[in-house]
Amino acid sequence: MFNLKENNLTIANDNFVAEEQKQAVGENFTPNTILDNVNSVCASQLTPITMEDIISSNTSTSDMVSLPESLDEVMEDLNSGNSLIIKTGLPTIDNLCNGGFGAGKLVIIGARPSAGKTSLSLDFAMRAARDGHKACFFTIEMTNKDLALKTMLATGEINMYDVIRENKDWERLERAMMKARTPNLYISKKCTTITQIMNKITTMHQEGKCDIAFIDYLQLLKGRGKDMRERFTLITGALKQLTIDLDIPIVLMSQLNRDSEHENRRPKCSDIKESGSAEQDADIVILLERPREGEIQNRIDAYLDKNRGGSICTDTIRLQGTSGFANFYELTDGYEY
């Protein structure tokens, strides 16, 4: 079991986790979780923090690593090919992000409602699973059966008409089901608080079942805070810390406000709804919108608006989905629609 770095958490985060732990009691929230090591710190927030408290809570130096040791780890990863990179399958994003979503990265995918953030994220999860990575998908507004159906639609073998019509083509449905079937994708159907989700990600990772996690979406997550902005600040900060401690990427979906629509412009990081901290905490920000040149079936436009450690893309990344608004691929210059 790893240790959460207490010295990297703010007092606000400690209070947030403490309250969330209380809420999670009785929901399989056992001492064997990532949040164990902040229990005493959280409890101490009932009284003012003193310098003696700070010194006594940071007496261990076991989490300090010398530069030569870190360099040796880098070379070992490069030599063994153990560096965790999750490819998206979209050439522009993969190339600019040094091969894909890397370990320790917090990725935010933002869009207005019904603009494709869940569909594209599920597509990324399916690609990761097919590449042999273990992916965990947490959704609050959809059931696990809804997501499973979307994976079947993403195969291109069936469309929604095949699902709802009375005389079903069971051979096609079976073919789609078998094509979508992968043991590497896990779907959660009960987690609604950030503590529950962090607990589940940690447990799955410890069991070797989580190389990348997807959370749909920020504005639906339950947590503490005097208002939405404070709650979202605590959530994105906690998730960023989790990516570092587990050394995996986490993809967080988020709604955007209406500013880009009102101002007739493409979305930007500051449009992330009620979350000024998301722009700071995220390593990669991908923003989506429906084509501005008019409604084009199964098309979305993407913008790589932040890319810590890499280059951003000032051009529109045009994505085309299948008839089920899934299984996206990148359009090149001269595409037809």
Protein backbone atom coordinates (compact mmCIF):
# COMPACT_ATOMS: atom_id res chain seq x y z
CA MET A 1 0.00 0.00 0.00
CA PHE A 2 1.30 3.45 -0.90
CA ASN A 3 1.27 6.60 1.22
CA LEU A 4 -0.64 9.70 0.29
CA LYS A 5 1.69 12.67 0.59
CA GLU A 6 0.20 14.63 3.46
CA ASN A 7 2.53 17.53 2.93
CA ASN A 8 1.10 18.06 -0.56
CA LEU A 9 -2.49 18.39 0.62
CA THR A 10 -3.97 21.67 1.63
CA ILE A 11 -5.86 22.12 4.89
CA ALA A 12 -9.00 22.57 2.77
CA ASN A 13 -8.43 19.19 1.17
CA ASP A 14 -7.97 17.60 4.57
CA ASN A 15 -11.29 18.99 5.78
CA PHE A 16 -12.95 17.86 2.58
CA VAL A 17 -11.65 14.30 2.90
CA ALA A 18 -12.62 14.12 6.58
CA GLU A 19 -16.23 15.05 5.86
CA GLU A 20 -16.35 12.68 2.90
CA GLN A 21 -15.06 9.84 5.06
CA LYS A 22 -17.90 10.40 7.51
CA GLN A 23 -20.38 10.24 4.64
CA ALA A 24 -18.88 7.03 3.33
CA VAL A 25 -19.10 5.07 6.60
CA GLY A 26 -21.17 1.96 6.07
CA GLU A 27 -20.47 1.98 2.33
CA ASN A 28 -17.55 -0.41 2.39
CA PHE A 29 -15.15 2.40 3.24
CA THR A 30 -12.56 0.43 5.18
CA PRO A 31 -9.26 1.55 6.72
CA ASN A 32 -7.44 -0.07 3.80
CA THR A 33 -7.76 2.94 1.48
CA ILE A 34 -5.71 5.75 0.07
CA LEU A 35 -7.13 8.13 2.64
CA ASP A 36 -5.91 6.25 5.75
CA ASN A 37 -2.86 8.39 6.25
CA VAL A 38 -4.72 11.68 6.53
CA ASN A 39 -7.18 10.60 9.25
CA SER A 40 -5.19 12.08 12.11
CA VAL A 41 -4.47 15.24 10.13
CA CYS A 42 -8.17 15.66 9.29
CA ALA A 43 -9.17 15.22 12.92
CA SER A 44 -6.65 17.82 13.99
CA GLN A 45 -8.39 20.50 11.91
CA LEU A 46 -10.88 20.94 14.76
CA THR A 47 -8.15 22.96 16.49
CA PRO A 48 -5.78 25.56 15.03
CA ILE A 49 -2.65 24.25 13.34
CA THR A 50 0.63 25.12 15.05
CA MET A 51 4.18 24.90 13.75
CA GLU A 52 4.77 21.98 16.14
CA ASP A 53 1.85 20.14 14.50
CA ILE A 54 3.33 20.71 11.06
CA ILE A 55 6.78 19.51 12.12
CA SER A 56 5.46 16.43 13.95
CA SER A 57 3.29 15.39 11.00
CA ASN A 58 6.23 15.44 8.57
CA THR A 59 9.00 13.66 10.46
CA SER A 60 9.38 10.86 7.89
CA THR A 61 11.76 11.36 4.97
CA SER A 62 10.98 8.01 3.33
CA ASP A 63 9.14 9.71 0.47
CA MET A 64 12.17 11.80 -0.50
CA VAL A 65 14.16 10.43 -3.44
CA SER A 66 17.51 11.73 -4.65
CA LEU A 67 17.87 13.00 -8.21
CA PRO A 68 20.27 10.18 -9.22
CA GLU A 69 17.73 7.61 -8.01
CA SER A 70 14.99 9.33 -9.99
CA LEU A 71 17.17 9.41 -13.10
CA ASP A 72 17.89 5.70 -12.68
CA GLU A 73 14.14 5.05 -12.55
CA VAL A 74 13.62 7.05 -15.74
CA MET A 75 16.32 5.10 -17.58
CA GLU A 76 14.96 1.81 -16.27
CA ASP A 77 11.47 2.67 -17.56
CA LEU A 78 12.84 3.70 -20.94
CA ASN A 79 14.93 0.55 -21.21
CA SER A 80 12.11 -1.80 -20.17
CA GLY A 81 9.29 0.00 -21.95
CA ASN A 82 7.36 0.17 -18.68
CA SER A 83 6.35 3.83 -19.03
CA LEU A 84 2.57 3.93 -18.97
CA ILE A 85 1.20 5.68 -22.05
CA ILE A 86 -2.46 5.23 -23.01
CA LYS A 87 -3.02 5.99 -26.68
CA THR A 88 -6.24 7.77 -27.68
CA GLY A 89 -6.12 6.61 -31.28
CA LEU A 90 -6.33 10.24 -32.47
CA PRO A 91 -3.00 11.10 -34.18
CA THR A 92 -2.89 14.83 -33.37
CA ILE A 93 -3.61 14.35 -29.67
CA ASP A 94 -1.30 11.34 -29.33
CA ASN A 95 1.57 13.11 -31.11
CA LEU A 96 1.30 16.33 -29.14
CA CYS A 97 0.83 14.49 -25.82
CA ASN A 98 4.02 12.46 -26.25
CA GLY A 99 2.21 9.30 -27.31
CA GLY A 100 -1.05 9.63 -25.39
CA PHE A 101 -2.22 10.05 -21.80
CA GLY A 102 0.80 9.45 -19.58
CA ALA A 103 1.10 8.26 -15.99
CA GLY A 104 0.38 10.93 -13.39
CA LYS A 105 -1.67 13.06 -15.78
CA LEU A 106 -5.06 14.59 -14.98
CA VAL A 107 -6.98 14.98 -18.23
CA ILE A 108 -10.14 17.07 -18.46
CA ILE A 109 -12.55 16.67 -21.37
CA GLY A 110 -15.02 19.55 -21.43
CA ALA A 111 -18.12 20.11 -23.53
CA ARG A 112 -21.65 21.44 -23.46
CA PRO A 113 -24.41 18.84 -22.89
CA SER A 114 -24.85 16.33 -25.74
CA ALA A 115 -21.64 17.46 -27.43
CA GLY A 116 -19.88 14.10 -27.17
CA LYS A 117 -17.77 14.11 -24.00
CA THR A 118 -19.16 10.80 -22.70
CA SER A 119 -19.07 9.14 -26.13
CA LEU A 120 -15.48 10.22 -26.82
CA SER A 121 -14.31 9.24 -23.33
CA LEU A 122 -15.94 5.83 -23.62
CA ASP A 123 -14.21 5.47 -26.98
CA PHE A 124 -10.86 6.23 -25.32
CA ALA A 125 -11.64 3.66 -22.61
CA MET A 126 -12.52 1.01 -25.19
CA ARG A 127 -9.32 1.69 -27.14
CA ALA A 128 -7.27 1.40 -23.94
CA ALA A 129 -8.97 -1.91 -23.09
CA ARG A 130 -8.36 -3.29 -26.57
CA ASP A 131 -4.69 -2.32 -26.25
CA GLY A 132 -4.44 -4.47 -23.13
CA HIS A 133 -4.76 -1.76 -20.49
CA LYS A 134 -7.21 -2.06 -17.60
CA ALA A 135 -9.70 0.81 -17.73
CA CYS A 136 -12.28 1.84 -15.09
CA PHE A 137 -15.25 3.98 -16.09
CA PHE A 138 -17.30 5.80 -13.44
CA THR A 139 -20.61 7.28 -14.54
CA ILE A 140 -23.29 8.95 -12.46
CA GLU A 141 -25.98 9.88 -14.96
CA MET A 142 -25.98 6.57 -16.88
CA THR A 143 -26.39 2.95 -15.81
CA ASN A 144 -23.83 0.27 -16.53
CA LYS A 145 -26.30 -1.21 -19.04
CA ASP A 146 -26.57 2.11 -20.86
CA LEU A 147 -22.79 2.24 -21.22
CA ALA A 148 -22.63 -1.40 -22.29
CA LEU A 149 -25.18 -0.66 -25.01
CA LYS A 150 -23.06 2.30 -26.19
CA THR A 151 -20.08 -0.03 -26.56
CA MET A 152 -22.21 -2.30 -28.75
CA LEU A 153 -23.30 0.65 -30.89
CA ALA A 154 -19.66 1.71 -31.17
CA THR A 155 -18.78 -1.50 -32.99
CA GLY A 156 -20.70 -0.28 -36.06
CA GLU A 157 -22.48 -3.62 -36.28
CA ILE A 158 -25.82 -2.20 -35.11
CA ASN A 159 -27.64 1.11 -34.70
CA MET A 160 -30.33 2.22 -32.28
CA TYR A 161 -33.08 1.06 -34.65
CA ASP A 162 -31.74 -2.49 -34.38
CA VAL A 163 -32.11 -2.21 -30.61
CA ILE A 164 -35.64 -0.82 -30.41
CA ARG A 165 -37.39 -2.51 -33.34
CA GLU A 166 -39.80 -5.31 -32.54
CA ASN A 167 -38.40 -7.94 -34.89
CA LYS A 168 -34.80 -7.86 -33.76
CA ASP A 169 -31.92 -9.26 -35.77
CA TRP A 170 -30.46 -11.36 -32.99
CA GLU A 171 -27.53 -12.49 -35.11
CA ARG A 172 -26.36 -8.89 -35.59
CA LEU A 173 -26.96 -8.07 -31.92
CA GLU A 174 -24.95 -11.11 -30.86
CA ARG A 175 -22.15 -10.14 -33.24
CA ALA A 176 -22.06 -6.61 -31.82
CA MET A 177 -22.05 -7.94 -28.27
CA MET A 178 -19.15 -10.29 -28.93
CA LYS A 179 -17.17 -7.57 -30.74
CA ALA A 180 -17.64 -5.13 -27.85
CA ARG A 181 -16.86 -7.70 -25.19
CA THR A 182 -13.56 -7.04 -23.39
CA PRO A 183 -12.59 -8.13 -19.88
CA ASN A 184 -10.32 -5.09 -19.49
CA LEU A 185 -13.09 -2.47 -19.11
CA TYR A 186 -14.79 -2.13 -15.73
CA ILE A 187 -17.93 -0.02 -15.24
CA SER A 188 -19.00 1.31 -11.85
CA LYS A 189 -22.69 1.73 -11.16
CA LYS A 190 -22.85 2.83 -7.51
CA CYS A 191 -20.16 5.43 -6.78
CA THR A 192 -21.45 9.01 -6.54
CA THR A 193 -19.04 10.80 -4.16
CA ILE A 194 -15.44 11.68 -4.86
CA THR A 195 -14.35 9.66 -1.82
CA GLN A 196 -16.12 6.52 -3.06
CA ILE A 197 -14.58 6.93 -6.51
CA MET A 198 -11.06 7.55 -5.19
CA ASN A 199 -11.44 4.56 -2.88
CA LYS A 200 -12.59 2.34 -5.75
CA ILE A 201 -9.84 3.50 -8.12
CA THR A 202 -7.24 2.80 -5.44
CA THR A 203 -8.60 -0.67 -4.69
CA MET A 204 -8.87 -1.60 -8.37
CA HIS A 205 -5.32 -0.36 -8.98
CA GLN A 206 -3.98 -2.38 -6.06
CA GLU A 207 -5.68 -5.44 -7.56
CA GLY A 208 -4.07 -4.78 -10.95
CA LYS A 209 -7.37 -3.75 -12.55
CA CYS A 210 -6.90 -0.02 -13.17
CA ASP A 211 -4.30 1.52 -15.50
CA ILE A 212 -6.54 4.47 -16.35
CA ALA A 213 -9.77 5.82 -14.86
CA PHE A 214 -12.59 7.84 -16.44
CA ILE A 215 -15.08 9.89 -14.39
CA ASP A 216 -18.32 11.20 -15.92
CA TYR A 217 -18.64 13.98 -14.84
CA LEU A 218 -17.33 16.72 -12.48
CA GLN A 219 -20.56 18.68 -11.92
CA LEU A 220 -22.45 15.56 -10.79
CA LEU A 221 -19.91 14.49 -8.17
CA LYS A 222 -20.99 14.85 -4.55
CA GLY A 223 -18.55 16.42 -2.16
CA ARG A 224 -18.01 19.06 0.48
CA GLY A 225 -17.53 22.79 0.05
CA LYS A 226 -19.43 25.96 0.83
CA ASP A 227 -20.29 26.39 -2.86
CA MET A 228 -19.83 24.65 -6.20
CA ARG A 229 -16.54 26.39 -6.97
CA GLU A 230 -14.97 25.29 -3.67
CA ARG A 231 -16.29 21.74 -4.09
CA PHE A 232 -14.87 21.44 -7.59
CA THR A 233 -11.56 22.92 -6.45
CA LEU A 234 -11.23 20.23 -3.79
CA ILE A 235 -12.24 17.49 -6.22
CA THR A 236 -9.78 18.38 -8.98
CA GLY A 237 -6.98 18.88 -6.46
CA ALA A 238 -7.64 15.49 -4.86
CA LEU A 239 -7.79 13.73 -8.25
CA LYS A 240 -4.54 15.33 -9.38
CA GLN A 241 -2.87 14.07 -6.19
CA LEU A 242 -4.29 10.60 -6.85
CA THR A 243 -2.78 10.47 -10.35
CA ILE A 244 0.61 11.17 -8.84
CA ASP A 245 0.33 8.61 -6.03
CA LEU A 246 -1.01 5.81 -8.24
CA ASP A 247 1.09 6.86 -11.26
CA ILE A 248 -1.83 6.49 -13.67
CA PRO A 249 -3.78 8.93 -15.84
CA ILE A 250 -7.29 9.96 -14.78
CA VAL A 251 -9.74 11.44 -17.29
CA LEU A 252 -12.38 13.72 -15.81
CA MET A 253 -15.30 14.94 -17.90
CA SER A 254 -16.76 18.38 -17.26
CA GLN A 255 -19.53 20.58 -18.52
CA LEU A 256 -18.74 23.95 -20.04
CA ASN A 257 -20.69 27.13 -19.43
CA ARG A 258 -22.50 29.00 -22.22
CA ASP A 259 -19.94 31.77 -22.67
CA SER A 260 -18.56 30.41 -25.94
CA GLU A 261 -22.09 30.21 -27.38
CA HIS A 262 -22.99 33.73 -26.27
CA GLU A 263 -19.71 35.16 -27.57
CA ASN A 264 -19.77 33.11 -30.79
CA ARG A 265 -16.30 31.64 -30.31
CA ARG A 266 -14.69 28.28 -29.74
CA PRO A 267 -14.55 27.01 -26.13
CA LYS A 268 -11.53 27.67 -23.93
CA CYS A 269 -10.29 26.47 -20.52
CA SER A 270 -11.97 29.30 -18.63
CA ASP A 271 -15.35 27.99 -19.83
CA ILE A 272 -15.12 24.95 -17.55
CA LYS A 273 -18.25 25.35 -15.45
CA GLU A 274 -17.75 26.76 -11.93
CA SER A 275 -14.19 25.50 -11.72
CA GLY A 276 -11.35 27.97 -11.95
CA SER A 277 -9.08 25.34 -10.36
CA ALA A 278 -9.57 22.78 -13.13
CA GLU A 279 -7.41 24.77 -15.52
CA GLN A 280 -4.62 24.82 -12.93
CA ASP A 281 -4.89 21.20 -11.77
CA ALA A 282 -5.28 19.60 -15.20
CA ASP A 283 -2.26 18.52 -17.22
CA ILE A 284 -4.26 18.13 -20.43
CA VAL A 285 -7.50 19.88 -21.38
CA ILE A 286 -9.50 18.77 -24.43
CA LEU A 287 -12.56 20.85 -25.28
CA LEU A 288 -15.34 19.71 -27.59
CA GLU A 289 -18.13 21.37 -29.53
CA ARG A 290 -20.47 20.55 -32.37
CA PRO A 291 -19.24 21.89 -35.74
CA ARG A 292 -19.73 25.63 -35.92
CA GLU A 293 -20.23 25.55 -39.69
CA GLY A 294 -23.55 23.80 -39.17
CA GLU A 295 -25.03 20.55 -37.89
CA ILE A 296 -23.01 17.67 -39.32
CA GLN A 297 -24.09 14.19 -38.34
CA ASN A 298 -21.82 12.40 -35.85
CA ARG A 299 -19.16 15.15 -36.07
CA ILE A 300 -17.48 16.95 -33.21
CA ASP A 301 -14.64 19.47 -33.17
CA ALA A 302 -11.92 19.13 -30.55
CA TYR A 303 -9.35 21.59 -29.23
CA LEU A 304 -6.23 20.67 -27.26
CA ASP A 305 -6.31 23.80 -25.10
CA LYS A 306 -3.76 22.81 -22.45
CA ASN A 307 -0.93 20.32 -22.61
CA ARG A 308 1.57 20.50 -19.75
CA GLY A 309 4.90 19.20 -21.00
CA GLY A 310 3.85 19.40 -24.65
CA SER A 311 2.41 21.67 -27.30
CA ILE A 312 -1.16 22.86 -27.63
CA CYS A 313 -3.04 22.68 -30.93
CA THR A 314 -4.33 25.99 -32.22
CA ASP A 315 -6.15 24.29 -35.10
CA THR A 316 -9.48 22.48 -34.89
CA ILE A 317 -9.17 18.71 -34.58
CA ARG A 318 -12.13 17.38 -36.57
CA LEU A 319 -13.50 14.05 -35.38
CA GLN A 320 -16.01 11.81 -37.10
CA GLY A 321 -17.99 9.12 -35.30
CA THR A 322 -19.88 6.11 -36.55
CA SER A 323 -23.66 6.02 -36.84
CA GLY A 324 -23.83 5.35 -33.11
CA PHE A 325 -21.91 8.58 -32.36
CA ALA A 326 -18.94 6.53 -31.22
CA ASN A 327 -15.75 4.93 -32.49
CA PHE A 328 -14.27 8.30 -33.46
CA TYR A 329 -11.50 8.85 -35.94
CA GLU A 330 -9.68 12.02 -36.95
CA LEU A 331 -10.50 13.68 -40.25
CA THR A 332 -7.64 14.95 -42.38
CA ASP A 333 -7.57 17.97 -44.69
CA GLY A 334 -9.85 17.58 -47.63
CA TYR A 335 -12.38 15.45 -45.78
CA GLU A 336 -15.91 15.17 -47.08
CA TYR A 337 -19.13 15.29 -45.09
